[in-house]
Amino acid sequence: IMKNMEYSKLVSVTGLNGLFELVGNKTDGAIVKSLDDKTTKFISSRVHNFSHLESIEVYTVRDNVNLVEVFQAMRKSKKALPSDKDAAAVKAYFQKVYPDMDFGRVYGSDMKKMIKWFSILQENNIDPKLSEEPEENTEEEA
């Protein structure tokens, strides 16, 4: 049975394209599985940095928001994803889908990454949501 991957286990790795599921930690790195070709490999933390998607923030004209908020806006939007090769189209897309983004501080390369990552999430049916969201009705009233 294919278990649905959790957004909280996803990392990006410097120097490598795509997204990876964190499968296991070792003292000197991590074992990750590529969402693209499904291969599993060891990545040394001496050579690469890992970023949990959950911890990535995006500059907006107000406070920073978690990348998840941008992904959720992209999911709600009916606009077709632009090619991540077309910088102008990518920027125009985000100006419609997430107009609060601080376009002076968010680089084109980052916007392209968001497009790439979002399409990977969609291909893998991964719901972009944070793991620490409280469950419904579990909070006790004080």
N, C-alpha and C. Protein backbone atom coordinates (compact mmCIF):
# COMPACT_ATOMS: atom_id res chain seq x y z
N ILE A 1 0.86 -1.19 0.00
CA ILE A 1 0.00 0.00 0.00
C ILE A 1 0.90 1.24 0.00
N MET A 2 0.63 2.14 -0.92
CA MET A 2 1.42 3.38 -0.97
C MET A 2 0.97 4.29 0.17
N LYS A 3 1.87 4.54 1.09
CA LYS A 3 1.57 5.46 2.18
C LYS A 3 1.75 6.87 1.65
N ASN A 4 0.81 7.75 1.99
CA ASN A 4 0.97 9.12 1.56
C ASN A 4 2.15 9.77 2.26
N MET A 5 2.96 10.41 1.47
CA MET A 5 4.10 11.10 2.03
C MET A 5 3.63 12.31 2.80
N GLU A 6 4.32 12.61 3.88
CA GLU A 6 3.94 13.78 4.64
C GLU A 6 4.81 14.95 4.26
N TYR A 7 4.17 16.10 4.16
CA TYR A 7 4.88 17.33 3.83
C TYR A 7 6.01 17.58 4.83
N SER A 8 5.77 17.22 6.11
CA SER A 8 6.76 17.51 7.15
C SER A 8 8.07 16.74 6.96
N LYS A 9 8.05 15.69 6.13
CA LYS A 9 9.27 14.91 5.93
C LYS A 9 10.06 15.39 4.71
N LEU A 10 9.56 16.42 4.03
CA LEU A 10 10.20 16.84 2.79
C LEU A 10 11.32 17.84 3.03
N VAL A 11 12.43 17.62 2.31
CA VAL A 11 13.56 18.54 2.41
C VAL A 11 14.04 18.89 1.00
N SER A 12 14.65 20.06 0.91
CA SER A 12 15.40 20.36 -0.30
C SER A 12 16.87 20.26 0.11
N VAL A 13 17.72 19.93 -0.84
CA VAL A 13 19.13 19.70 -0.55
C VAL A 13 19.93 20.62 -1.45
N THR A 14 20.85 21.40 -0.87
CA THR A 14 21.65 22.30 -1.70
C THR A 14 22.42 21.50 -2.74
N GLY A 15 22.47 22.03 -3.95
CA GLY A 15 23.24 21.38 -5.00
C GLY A 15 22.50 20.26 -5.70
N LEU A 16 21.31 19.91 -5.22
CA LEU A 16 20.55 18.84 -5.87
C LEU A 16 19.18 19.39 -6.27
N ASN A 17 18.72 18.98 -7.44
CA ASN A 17 17.41 19.43 -7.89
C ASN A 17 16.30 18.61 -7.27
N GLY A 18 15.12 19.19 -7.21
CA GLY A 18 13.96 18.44 -6.77
C GLY A 18 13.79 18.44 -5.26
N LEU A 19 12.92 17.55 -4.82
CA LEU A 19 12.62 17.43 -3.39
C LEU A 19 12.88 16.01 -2.95
N PHE A 20 13.11 15.87 -1.66
CA PHE A 20 13.46 14.57 -1.10
C PHE A 20 12.65 14.30 0.15
N GLU A 21 12.32 13.03 0.34
CA GLU A 21 11.70 12.63 1.58
C GLU A 21 12.81 12.17 2.51
N LEU A 22 12.80 12.68 3.75
CA LEU A 22 13.79 12.27 4.73
C LEU A 22 13.41 10.90 5.23
N VAL A 23 14.27 9.91 4.97
CA VAL A 23 13.96 8.53 5.34
C VAL A 23 14.65 8.17 6.65
N GLY A 24 15.88 8.66 6.84
CA GLY A 24 16.58 8.35 8.07
C GLY A 24 17.72 9.30 8.31
N ASN A 25 18.03 9.55 9.58
CA ASN A 25 19.16 10.41 9.93
C ASN A 25 20.36 9.57 10.32
N LYS A 26 21.53 10.05 9.96
CA LYS A 26 22.76 9.47 10.46
C LYS A 26 23.57 10.62 11.05
N THR A 27 24.61 10.31 11.81
CA THR A 27 25.36 11.39 12.45
C THR A 27 25.98 12.33 11.42
N ASP A 28 26.36 11.80 10.26
CA ASP A 28 27.08 12.63 9.29
C ASP A 28 26.24 12.95 8.07
N GLY A 29 24.93 12.82 8.18
CA GLY A 29 24.08 13.15 7.03
C GLY A 29 22.71 12.53 7.16
N ALA A 30 22.10 12.24 6.03
CA ALA A 30 20.75 11.70 6.05
C ALA A 30 20.53 10.78 4.86
N ILE A 31 19.57 9.88 5.03
CA ILE A 31 19.15 9.03 3.93
C ILE A 31 17.87 9.65 3.39
N VAL A 32 17.89 9.95 2.11
CA VAL A 32 16.74 10.61 1.50
C VAL A 32 16.28 9.84 0.28
N LYS A 33 15.01 10.01 -0.03
CA LYS A 33 14.44 9.38 -1.21
C LYS A 33 13.96 10.48 -2.15
N SER A 34 14.41 10.42 -3.38
CA SER A 34 14.05 11.45 -4.36
C SER A 34 12.58 11.30 -4.75
N LEU A 35 11.86 12.41 -4.77
CA LEU A 35 10.46 12.36 -5.22
C LEU A 35 10.38 12.24 -6.73
N ASP A 36 11.48 12.56 -7.41
CA ASP A 36 11.48 12.47 -8.87
C ASP A 36 11.64 11.03 -9.34
N ASP A 37 12.79 10.43 -9.00
CA ASP A 37 13.04 9.09 -9.54
C ASP A 37 12.92 7.98 -8.50
N LYS A 38 12.49 8.37 -7.26
CA LYS A 38 12.21 7.39 -6.19
C LYS A 38 13.44 6.64 -5.72
N THR A 39 14.65 7.10 -6.10
CA THR A 39 15.85 6.42 -5.62
C THR A 39 16.16 6.91 -4.20
N THR A 40 16.76 6.03 -3.42
CA THR A 40 17.13 6.38 -2.06
C THR A 40 18.64 6.49 -2.00
N LYS A 41 19.13 7.55 -1.35
CA LYS A 41 20.58 7.67 -1.25
C LYS A 41 20.99 8.39 0.02
N PHE A 42 22.25 8.18 0.37
CA PHE A 42 22.82 8.86 1.53
C PHE A 42 23.39 10.20 1.09
N ILE A 43 23.08 11.26 1.82
CA ILE A 43 23.61 12.58 1.52
C ILE A 43 24.43 13.05 2.71
N SER A 44 25.67 13.40 2.47
CA SER A 44 26.55 13.83 3.55
C SER A 44 26.25 15.27 3.96
N SER A 45 26.12 15.48 5.26
CA SER A 45 25.86 16.85 5.73
C SER A 45 27.12 17.70 5.68
N ARG A 46 28.26 17.08 5.39
CA ARG A 46 29.49 17.89 5.23
C ARG A 46 29.47 18.59 3.88
N VAL A 47 28.79 18.01 2.93
CA VAL A 47 28.80 18.53 1.57
C VAL A 47 27.55 19.35 1.27
N HIS A 48 26.43 18.94 1.86
CA HIS A 48 25.14 19.54 1.51
C HIS A 48 24.44 20.10 2.75
N ASN A 49 23.63 21.12 2.51
CA ASN A 49 22.72 21.60 3.55
C ASN A 49 21.31 21.11 3.23
N PHE A 50 20.57 20.82 4.28
CA PHE A 50 19.19 20.39 4.12
C PHE A 50 18.27 21.50 4.60
N SER A 51 17.19 21.74 3.89
CA SER A 51 16.16 22.65 4.39
C SER A 51 14.85 21.90 4.44
N HIS A 52 14.26 21.86 5.61
CA HIS A 52 12.90 21.30 5.69
C HIS A 52 11.96 22.30 5.04
N LEU A 53 11.11 21.82 4.14
CA LEU A 53 10.16 22.72 3.51
C LEU A 53 9.32 23.44 4.56
N GLU A 54 9.00 22.71 5.63
CA GLU A 54 8.18 23.29 6.69
C GLU A 54 8.80 24.53 7.30
N SER A 55 10.14 24.62 7.26
CA SER A 55 10.78 25.73 7.97
C SER A 55 11.08 26.91 7.05
N ILE A 56 10.74 26.79 5.77
CA ILE A 56 11.07 27.85 4.81
C ILE A 56 10.02 28.96 4.89
N GLU A 57 10.52 30.19 4.96
CA GLU A 57 9.61 31.33 4.98
C GLU A 57 9.79 32.17 3.73
N VAL A 58 8.74 32.91 3.40
CA VAL A 58 8.73 33.74 2.20
C VAL A 58 8.49 35.18 2.63
N TYR A 59 9.29 36.10 2.07
CA TYR A 59 9.10 37.52 2.36
C TYR A 59 7.79 38.00 1.76
N THR A 60 7.01 38.73 2.55
CA THR A 60 5.84 39.40 1.98
C THR A 60 5.92 40.86 2.37
N VAL A 61 4.96 41.65 1.90
CA VAL A 61 4.97 43.07 2.23
C VAL A 61 4.63 43.28 3.70
N ARG A 62 4.06 42.26 4.35
CA ARG A 62 3.85 42.34 5.80
C ARG A 62 4.85 41.43 6.49
N ASP A 63 4.38 40.54 7.37
CA ASP A 63 5.30 39.61 8.03
C ASP A 63 5.63 38.48 7.07
N ASN A 64 6.74 37.81 7.31
CA ASN A 64 7.07 36.61 6.52
C ASN A 64 5.96 35.58 6.70
N VAL A 65 5.72 34.80 5.68
CA VAL A 65 4.75 33.71 5.82
C VAL A 65 5.48 32.40 5.55
N ASN A 66 4.91 31.32 6.04
CA ASN A 66 5.48 30.02 5.75
C ASN A 66 5.20 29.70 4.29
N LEU A 67 6.15 29.02 3.68
CA LEU A 67 6.01 28.60 2.28
C LEU A 67 4.68 27.88 2.03
N VAL A 68 4.21 27.15 3.06
CA VAL A 68 2.93 26.44 2.94
C VAL A 68 1.79 27.37 2.49
N GLU A 69 1.80 28.59 3.02
CA GLU A 69 0.72 29.52 2.67
C GLU A 69 0.73 29.85 1.19
N VAL A 70 1.93 29.97 0.64
CA VAL A 70 2.05 30.25 -0.79
C VAL A 70 1.56 29.04 -1.58
N PHE A 71 2.01 27.83 -1.17
CA PHE A 71 1.56 26.61 -1.85
C PHE A 71 0.04 26.47 -1.79
N GLN A 72 -0.56 26.81 -0.64
CA GLN A 72 -2.01 26.67 -0.52
C GLN A 72 -2.71 27.66 -1.44
N ALA A 73 -2.16 28.86 -1.56
CA ALA A 73 -2.74 29.84 -2.49
C ALA A 73 -2.62 29.35 -3.92
N MET A 74 -1.48 28.71 -4.23
CA MET A 74 -1.27 28.18 -5.58
C MET A 74 -2.28 27.08 -5.86
N ARG A 75 -2.56 26.28 -4.82
CA ARG A 75 -3.49 25.19 -5.01
C ARG A 75 -4.92 25.69 -5.23
N LYS A 76 -5.28 26.73 -4.49
CA LYS A 76 -6.64 27.28 -4.64
C LYS A 76 -6.82 27.98 -5.98
N SER A 77 -5.72 28.54 -6.48
CA SER A 77 -5.79 29.31 -7.71
C SER A 77 -6.11 28.41 -8.90
N LYS A 78 -6.86 28.96 -9.83
CA LYS A 78 -7.18 28.17 -11.03
C LYS A 78 -6.18 28.47 -12.14
N LYS A 79 -5.21 29.33 -11.85
CA LYS A 79 -4.25 29.70 -12.89
C LYS A 79 -3.30 28.55 -13.19
N ALA A 80 -3.03 28.34 -14.46
CA ALA A 80 -2.08 27.30 -14.85
C ALA A 80 -0.68 27.69 -14.41
N LEU A 81 0.11 26.70 -14.01
CA LEU A 81 1.49 26.99 -13.60
C LEU A 81 2.30 27.41 -14.82
N PRO A 82 3.09 28.47 -14.69
CA PRO A 82 3.96 28.87 -15.79
C PRO A 82 5.14 27.92 -15.89
N SER A 83 5.85 27.99 -16.99
CA SER A 83 7.09 27.21 -17.10
C SER A 83 8.11 27.81 -16.14
N ASP A 84 8.82 26.96 -15.40
CA ASP A 84 9.80 27.53 -14.47
C ASP A 84 11.01 28.10 -15.20
N LYS A 85 11.03 27.98 -16.54
CA LYS A 85 12.15 28.55 -17.31
C LYS A 85 11.88 30.01 -17.70
N ASP A 86 10.62 30.43 -17.57
CA ASP A 86 10.22 31.76 -18.04
C ASP A 86 10.05 32.71 -16.85
N ALA A 87 11.12 33.45 -16.54
CA ALA A 87 11.15 34.29 -15.34
C ALA A 87 9.99 35.29 -15.30
N ALA A 88 9.70 35.92 -16.44
CA ALA A 88 8.63 36.94 -16.45
C ALA A 88 7.28 36.30 -16.17
N ALA A 89 7.04 35.14 -16.75
CA ALA A 89 5.76 34.44 -16.55
C ALA A 89 5.62 33.99 -15.10
N VAL A 90 6.74 33.55 -14.52
CA VAL A 90 6.73 33.11 -13.13
C VAL A 90 6.35 34.27 -12.22
N LYS A 91 6.97 35.43 -12.45
CA LYS A 91 6.68 36.60 -11.63
C LYS A 91 5.23 37.05 -11.80
N ALA A 92 4.77 37.07 -13.05
CA ALA A 92 3.38 37.47 -13.32
C ALA A 92 2.40 36.52 -12.63
N TYR A 93 2.76 35.24 -12.62
CA TYR A 93 1.91 34.23 -11.97
C TYR A 93 1.77 34.56 -10.48
N PHE A 94 2.91 34.80 -9.81
CA PHE A 94 2.85 35.07 -8.37
C PHE A 94 2.20 36.42 -8.07
N GLN A 95 2.34 37.38 -9.00
CA GLN A 95 1.68 38.67 -8.77
C GLN A 95 0.16 38.49 -8.73
N LYS A 96 -0.35 37.50 -9.46
CA LYS A 96 -1.79 37.22 -9.40
C LYS A 96 -2.14 36.30 -8.23
N VAL A 97 -1.35 35.24 -8.06
CA VAL A 97 -1.71 34.20 -7.10
C VAL A 97 -1.34 34.58 -5.66
N TYR A 98 -0.23 35.29 -5.50
CA TYR A 98 0.19 35.70 -4.16
C TYR A 98 0.74 37.13 -4.21
N PRO A 99 -0.18 38.10 -4.40
CA PRO A 99 0.26 39.49 -4.62
C PRO A 99 1.00 40.12 -3.43
N ASP A 100 0.85 39.54 -2.23
CA ASP A 100 1.54 40.11 -1.06
C ASP A 100 3.02 39.79 -1.03
N MET A 101 3.46 38.90 -1.89
CA MET A 101 4.88 38.54 -1.90
C MET A 101 5.70 39.82 -2.09
N ASP A 102 6.84 39.89 -1.39
CA ASP A 102 7.71 41.04 -1.54
C ASP A 102 8.64 40.81 -2.73
N PHE A 103 8.21 41.30 -3.89
CA PHE A 103 8.93 40.98 -5.12
C PHE A 103 10.30 41.64 -5.18
N GLY A 104 10.56 42.60 -4.29
CA GLY A 104 11.89 43.20 -4.22
C GLY A 104 12.88 42.29 -3.51
N ARG A 105 12.36 41.40 -2.65
CA ARG A 105 13.27 40.56 -1.84
C ARG A 105 13.21 39.08 -2.19
N VAL A 106 12.17 38.66 -2.89
CA VAL A 106 12.10 37.24 -3.28
C VAL A 106 12.70 37.12 -4.67
N TYR A 107 13.79 36.37 -4.77
CA TYR A 107 14.50 36.27 -6.05
C TYR A 107 13.71 35.45 -7.06
N GLY A 108 13.95 35.76 -8.33
CA GLY A 108 13.35 34.99 -9.41
C GLY A 108 13.68 33.51 -9.28
N SER A 109 14.92 33.22 -8.86
CA SER A 109 15.33 31.82 -8.72
C SER A 109 14.50 31.11 -7.65
N ASP A 110 14.14 31.85 -6.59
CA ASP A 110 13.30 31.27 -5.54
C ASP A 110 11.89 31.02 -6.04
N MET A 111 11.37 31.97 -6.81
CA MET A 111 10.02 31.79 -7.36
C MET A 111 9.98 30.58 -8.29
N LYS A 112 11.05 30.43 -9.10
CA LYS A 112 11.11 29.27 -10.00
C LYS A 112 11.12 27.98 -9.19
N LYS A 113 11.88 27.98 -8.08
CA LYS A 113 11.94 26.82 -7.21
C LYS A 113 10.55 26.48 -6.67
N MET A 114 9.81 27.52 -6.26
CA MET A 114 8.46 27.28 -5.73
C MET A 114 7.57 26.61 -6.77
N ILE A 115 7.70 27.04 -8.03
CA ILE A 115 6.92 26.44 -9.11
C ILE A 115 7.31 24.96 -9.26
N LYS A 116 8.63 24.71 -9.31
CA LYS A 116 9.12 23.33 -9.45
C LYS A 116 8.64 22.46 -8.30
N TRP A 117 8.84 22.97 -7.07
CA TRP A 117 8.48 22.19 -5.90
C TRP A 117 6.98 21.92 -5.86
N PHE A 118 6.21 22.95 -6.21
CA PHE A 118 4.76 22.77 -6.17
C PHE A 118 4.32 21.70 -7.17
N SER A 119 4.93 21.69 -8.36
CA SER A 119 4.54 20.65 -9.32
C SER A 119 4.94 19.27 -8.82
N ILE A 120 6.07 19.16 -8.12
CA ILE A 120 6.47 17.87 -7.54
C ILE A 120 5.45 17.43 -6.49
N LEU A 121 5.01 18.37 -5.65
CA LEU A 121 4.01 18.04 -4.63
C LEU A 121 2.75 17.51 -5.29
N GLN A 122 2.33 18.20 -6.36
CA GLN A 122 1.11 17.78 -7.05
C GLN A 122 1.26 16.39 -7.67
N GLU A 123 2.40 16.16 -8.33
CA GLU A 123 2.62 14.85 -8.96
C GLU A 123 2.59 13.73 -7.93
N ASN A 124 3.01 14.04 -6.70
CA ASN A 124 3.08 13.01 -5.67
C ASN A 124 1.89 13.04 -4.72
N ASN A 125 0.88 13.84 -5.08
CA ASN A 125 -0.33 13.97 -4.24
C ASN A 125 -0.01 14.31 -2.79
N ILE A 126 0.89 15.24 -2.60
CA ILE A 126 1.25 15.63 -1.24
C ILE A 126 0.53 16.93 -0.89
N ASP A 127 -0.13 16.89 0.25
CA ASP A 127 -0.89 18.03 0.70
C ASP A 127 0.06 18.97 1.45
N PRO A 128 0.24 20.20 0.97
CA PRO A 128 1.16 21.09 1.68
C PRO A 128 0.51 21.60 2.96
N LYS A 129 0.77 20.94 4.08
CA LYS A 129 0.28 21.48 5.35
C LYS A 129 1.28 21.19 6.46
N LEU A 130 1.28 22.05 7.44
CA LEU A 130 2.26 21.94 8.53
C LEU A 130 1.83 20.87 9.51
N SER A 131 2.81 20.16 10.07
CA SER A 131 2.47 19.04 10.94
C SER A 131 1.94 19.49 12.29
N GLU A 132 2.32 20.72 12.73
CA GLU A 132 1.89 21.06 14.08
C GLU A 132 0.53 21.77 14.10
N GLU A 133 -0.21 21.70 12.99
CA GLU A 133 -1.54 22.29 13.04
C GLU A 133 -2.38 21.53 14.05
N PRO A 134 -3.06 22.25 14.96
CA PRO A 134 -3.82 21.54 15.99
C PRO A 134 -4.97 20.74 15.39
N GLU A 135 -5.23 19.59 15.97
CA GLU A 135 -6.37 18.79 15.52
C GLU A 135 -7.65 19.52 15.89
N GLU A 136 -8.69 19.29 15.13
CA GLU A 136 -9.97 19.93 15.44
C GLU A 136 -10.46 19.51 16.83
N ASN A 137 -10.96 20.47 17.58
CA ASN A 137 -11.65 20.22 18.85
C ASN A 137 -10.83 19.46 19.90
N THR A 138 -9.52 19.53 19.85
CA THR A 138 -8.76 18.84 20.88
C THR A 138 -8.30 19.82 21.95
N GLU A 139 -8.43 21.11 21.67
CA GLU A 139 -7.97 22.08 22.65
C GLU A 139 -9.01 22.20 23.76
N GLU A 140 -8.51 22.19 24.99
CA GLU A 140 -9.44 22.34 26.08
C GLU A 140 -9.66 23.80 26.36
N GLU A 141 -10.88 24.13 26.70
CA GLU A 141 -11.18 25.52 27.03
C GLU A 141 -10.63 25.81 28.41
N ALA A 142 -9.95 26.93 28.55
CA ALA A 142 -9.41 27.27 29.87
C ALA A 142 -10.46 28.01 30.69
